[in-house]
Amino acid sequence: MAAALLGCLAAAAVAAEKSNEPIPCESVESIGVAEMSADGVISLRLRSLSPNPIAEGVLTYAPDDPQYEEIKRHLGGIAPGEFKPVRPWC
């Protein structure tokens, strides 16, 4: 997951550098959408912070994944069938 997040942040930095306008992480409300399936698997559909999509991807976390609880905390909790915006990791 760290590599994917670093990739998203690096893409955002490149986009900001090209536009000469920095994108403050704290001002970004969402970098994607999270969904929890009926079996508890969390899927994160993430995209880079640019007006033109530079990078997109899907990360999945099963309940037995070591990062599962961290992801749930970052989302502020999530229940089966629920969709939530994903805040950036600032």
Foldseek 3Di string as FASTA:
>chain_A
DVVVLVVLVVVQVVQCVVVVHHDDLVVDPAQFKWAAAPQGKIKTWGFHPHPDTPDTDIDIDHPVRPCSVVQCVQQVHDDHGDMGGGRRDD
